[in-house]
Amino acid sequence: MKFLPDSNGWKVERTGMTREEIFTLLKKHIVSVIPSVTQDRILPNATLKDLGADSVDRADIATSLKDELGVDIPLVELGKVRDLDGLVDLLYRARSG
């Protein structure tokens, strides 16, 4: 994973990220928006709602992660995701496509 400067701070380089690296970024964003959540509670089969995220938190996490990864995914597609693993998969496919 490589970080590049951009006008809003730092952005992850678009090439060559694994699902594990995307999951690590997702955990960073979750802890940033929901500080009461510890990283050991963030498991692939968990949902953002399970972790205590309300609808605004979920939108903040998804939007900031999409921005950092440089992908454009419609919110309706994000709404279809069942768990964190599904979100990682969606983001991974968006980066690969």
C-alpha atoms as a PDB file:
ATOM      1  CA  MET A   1       0.000   0.000   0.000  1.00  0.00           C
ATOM      2  CA  LYS A   2       1.333   3.404  -0.907  1.00  0.00           C
ATOM      3  CA  PHE A   3       0.047   6.770   0.291  1.00  0.00           C
ATOM      4  CA  LEU A   4       0.156   9.795  -1.985  1.00  0.00           C
ATOM      5  CA  PRO A   5      -0.477  13.434  -1.041  1.00  0.00           C
ATOM      6  CA  ASP A   6      -3.570  15.084  -2.437  1.00  0.00           C
ATOM      7  CA  SER A   7      -5.479  18.306  -1.800  1.00  0.00           C
ATOM      8  CA  ASN A   8      -7.397  16.745   1.133  1.00  0.00           C
ATOM      9  CA  GLY A   9      -4.418  15.169   2.876  1.00  0.00           C
ATOM     10  CA  TRP A  10      -3.293  11.680   1.916  1.00  0.00           C
ATOM     11  CA  LYS A  11      -4.822   9.255  -0.539  1.00  0.00           C
ATOM     12  CA  VAL A  12      -4.066   5.588  -1.072  1.00  0.00           C
ATOM     13  CA  GLU A  13      -2.491   4.755  -4.415  1.00  0.00           C
ATOM     14  CA  ARG A  14      -5.043   2.987  -6.637  1.00  0.00           C
ATOM     15  CA  THR A  15      -2.945   0.033  -7.751  1.00  0.00           C
ATOM     16  CA  GLY A  16      -2.213  -3.297  -6.175  1.00  0.00           C
ATOM     17  CA  MET A  17      -4.171  -3.305  -2.922  1.00  0.00           C
ATOM     18  CA  THR A  18      -5.188  -6.611  -1.408  1.00  0.00           C
ATOM     19  CA  ARG A  19      -8.455  -7.327   0.381  1.00  0.00           C
ATOM     20  CA  GLU A  20      -6.482  -7.442   3.641  1.00  0.00           C
ATOM     21  CA  GLU A  21      -5.120  -3.942   3.047  1.00  0.00           C
ATOM     22  CA  ILE A  22      -8.603  -2.642   2.288  1.00  0.00           C
ATOM     23  CA  PHE A  23      -9.896  -4.312   5.476  1.00  0.00           C
ATOM     24  CA  THR A  24      -7.113  -2.588   7.451  1.00  0.00           C
ATOM     25  CA  LEU A  25      -8.203   0.779   6.018  1.00  0.00           C
ATOM     26  CA  LEU A  26     -11.819  -0.029   6.839  1.00  0.00           C
ATOM     27  CA  LYS A  27     -10.877  -0.728  10.459  1.00  0.00           C
ATOM     28  CA  LYS A  28      -9.025   2.601  10.622  1.00  0.00           C
ATOM     29  CA  HIS A  29     -12.117   4.448   9.395  1.00  0.00           C
ATOM     30  CA  ILE A  30     -14.441   2.581  11.775  1.00  0.00           C
ATOM     31  CA  VAL A  31     -12.297   3.432  14.810  1.00  0.00           C
ATOM     32  CA  SER A  32     -12.058   7.029  13.630  1.00  0.00           C
ATOM     33  CA  VAL A  33     -15.852   7.412  13.427  1.00  0.00           C
ATOM     34  CA  ILE A  34     -16.743   5.146  16.382  1.00  0.00           C
ATOM     35  CA  PRO A  35     -13.894   5.567  18.905  1.00  0.00           C
ATOM     36  CA  SER A  36     -15.545   3.247  21.436  1.00  0.00           C
ATOM     37  CA  VAL A  37     -14.954   0.284  19.099  1.00  0.00           C
ATOM     38  CA  THR A  38     -11.700  -1.607  19.566  1.00  0.00           C
ATOM     39  CA  GLN A  39      -9.995  -3.181  16.577  1.00  0.00           C
ATOM     40  CA  ASP A  40     -10.390  -6.689  18.017  1.00  0.00           C
ATOM     41  CA  ARG A  41     -14.196  -6.321  17.685  1.00  0.00           C
ATOM     42  CA  ILE A  42     -13.949  -5.501  13.978  1.00  0.00           C
ATOM     43  CA  LEU A  43     -14.330  -8.888  12.310  1.00  0.00           C
ATOM     44  CA  PRO A  44     -15.179  -9.684   8.674  1.00  0.00           C
ATOM     45  CA  ASN A  45     -18.598 -11.134   9.567  1.00  0.00           C
ATOM     46  CA  ALA A  46     -19.604  -8.117  11.705  1.00  0.00           C
ATOM     47  CA  THR A  47     -21.832  -5.336  10.433  1.00  0.00           C
ATOM     48  CA  LEU A  48     -21.351  -1.643  11.052  1.00  0.00           C
ATOM     49  CA  LYS A  49     -24.652  -1.707  12.906  1.00  0.00           C
ATOM     50  CA  ASP A  50     -23.315  -4.531  15.143  1.00  0.00           C
ATOM     51  CA  LEU A  51     -20.426  -2.219  16.015  1.00  0.00           C
ATOM     52  CA  GLY A  52     -22.802   0.559  17.073  1.00  0.00           C
ATOM     53  CA  ALA A  53     -22.780   2.679  13.926  1.00  0.00           C
ATOM     54  CA  ASP A  54     -25.959   4.616  13.229  1.00  0.00           C
ATOM     55  CA  SER A  55     -26.946   5.589   9.690  1.00  0.00           C
ATOM     56  CA  VAL A  56     -24.862   8.788   9.753  1.00  0.00           C
ATOM     57  CA  ASP A  57     -21.818   6.880  11.041  1.00  0.00           C
ATOM     58  CA  ARG A  58     -22.230   4.269   8.313  1.00  0.00           C
ATOM     59  CA  ALA A  59     -22.451   6.956   5.643  1.00  0.00           C
ATOM     60  CA  ASP A  60     -19.373   8.738   7.063  1.00  0.00           C
ATOM     61  CA  ILE A  61     -17.344   5.517   7.084  1.00  0.00           C
ATOM     62  CA  ALA A  62     -18.374   4.529   3.562  1.00  0.00           C
ATOM     63  CA  THR A  63     -17.847   8.001   2.099  1.00  0.00           C
ATOM     64  CA  SER A  64     -14.449   8.594   3.674  1.00  0.00           C
ATOM     65  CA  LEU A  65     -13.254   5.132   2.667  1.00  0.00           C
ATOM     66  CA  LYS A  66     -14.488   5.577  -0.919  1.00  0.00           C
ATOM     67  CA  ASP A  67     -12.712   8.935  -1.079  1.00  0.00           C
ATOM     68  CA  GLU A  68      -9.453   7.556   0.293  1.00  0.00           C
ATOM     69  CA  LEU A  69      -9.517   4.623  -2.115  1.00  0.00           C
ATOM     70  CA  GLY A  70     -10.531   6.799  -5.047  1.00  0.00           C
ATOM     71  CA  VAL A  71     -13.531   4.705  -6.037  1.00  0.00           C
ATOM     72  CA  ASP A  72     -17.052   5.714  -6.973  1.00  0.00           C
ATOM     73  CA  ILE A  73     -19.715   3.331  -5.700  1.00  0.00           C
ATOM     74  CA  PRO A  74     -23.389   4.343  -5.626  1.00  0.00           C
ATOM     75  CA  LEU A  75     -24.846   4.458  -2.122  1.00  0.00           C
ATOM     76  CA  VAL A  76     -27.548   2.013  -3.210  1.00  0.00           C
ATOM     77  CA  GLU A  77     -24.807  -0.582  -3.869  1.00  0.00           C
ATOM     78  CA  LEU A  78     -23.303   0.064  -0.439  1.00  0.00           C
ATOM     79  CA  GLY A  79     -26.734  -0.493   1.085  1.00  0.00           C
ATOM     80  CA  LYS A  80     -26.841  -4.024  -0.319  1.00  0.00           C
ATOM     81  CA  VAL A  81     -23.715  -5.092   1.582  1.00  0.00           C
ATOM     82  CA  ARG A  82     -24.444  -7.531   4.420  1.00  0.00           C
ATOM     83  CA  ASP A  83     -21.225  -7.385   6.458  1.00  0.00           C
ATOM     84  CA  LEU A  84     -17.725  -5.916   6.530  1.00  0.00           C
ATOM     85  CA  ASP A  85     -16.385  -8.710   4.341  1.00  0.00           C
ATOM     86  CA  GLY A  86     -18.987  -7.807   1.720  1.00  0.00           C
ATOM     87  CA  LEU A  87     -17.969  -4.156   1.925  1.00  0.00           C
ATOM     88  CA  VAL A  88     -14.316  -5.070   1.464  1.00  0.00           C
ATOM     89  CA  ASP A  89     -15.233  -7.224  -1.529  1.00  0.00           C
ATOM     90  CA  LEU A  90     -17.274  -4.409  -3.096  1.00  0.00           C
ATOM     91  CA  LEU A  91     -14.417  -1.932  -2.627  1.00  0.00           C
ATOM     92  CA  TYR A  92     -11.883  -4.414  -3.966  1.00  0.00           C
ATOM     93  CA  ARG A  93     -13.969  -5.066  -7.093  1.00  0.00           C
ATOM     94  CA  ALA A  94     -14.466  -1.305  -7.599  1.00  0.00           C
ATOM     95  CA  ARG A  95     -10.703  -0.773  -7.507  1.00  0.00           C
ATOM     96  CA  SER A  96     -10.053  -3.664  -9.865  1.00  0.00           C
ATOM     97  CA  GLY A  97     -12.661  -2.608 -12.406  1.00  0.00           C
END
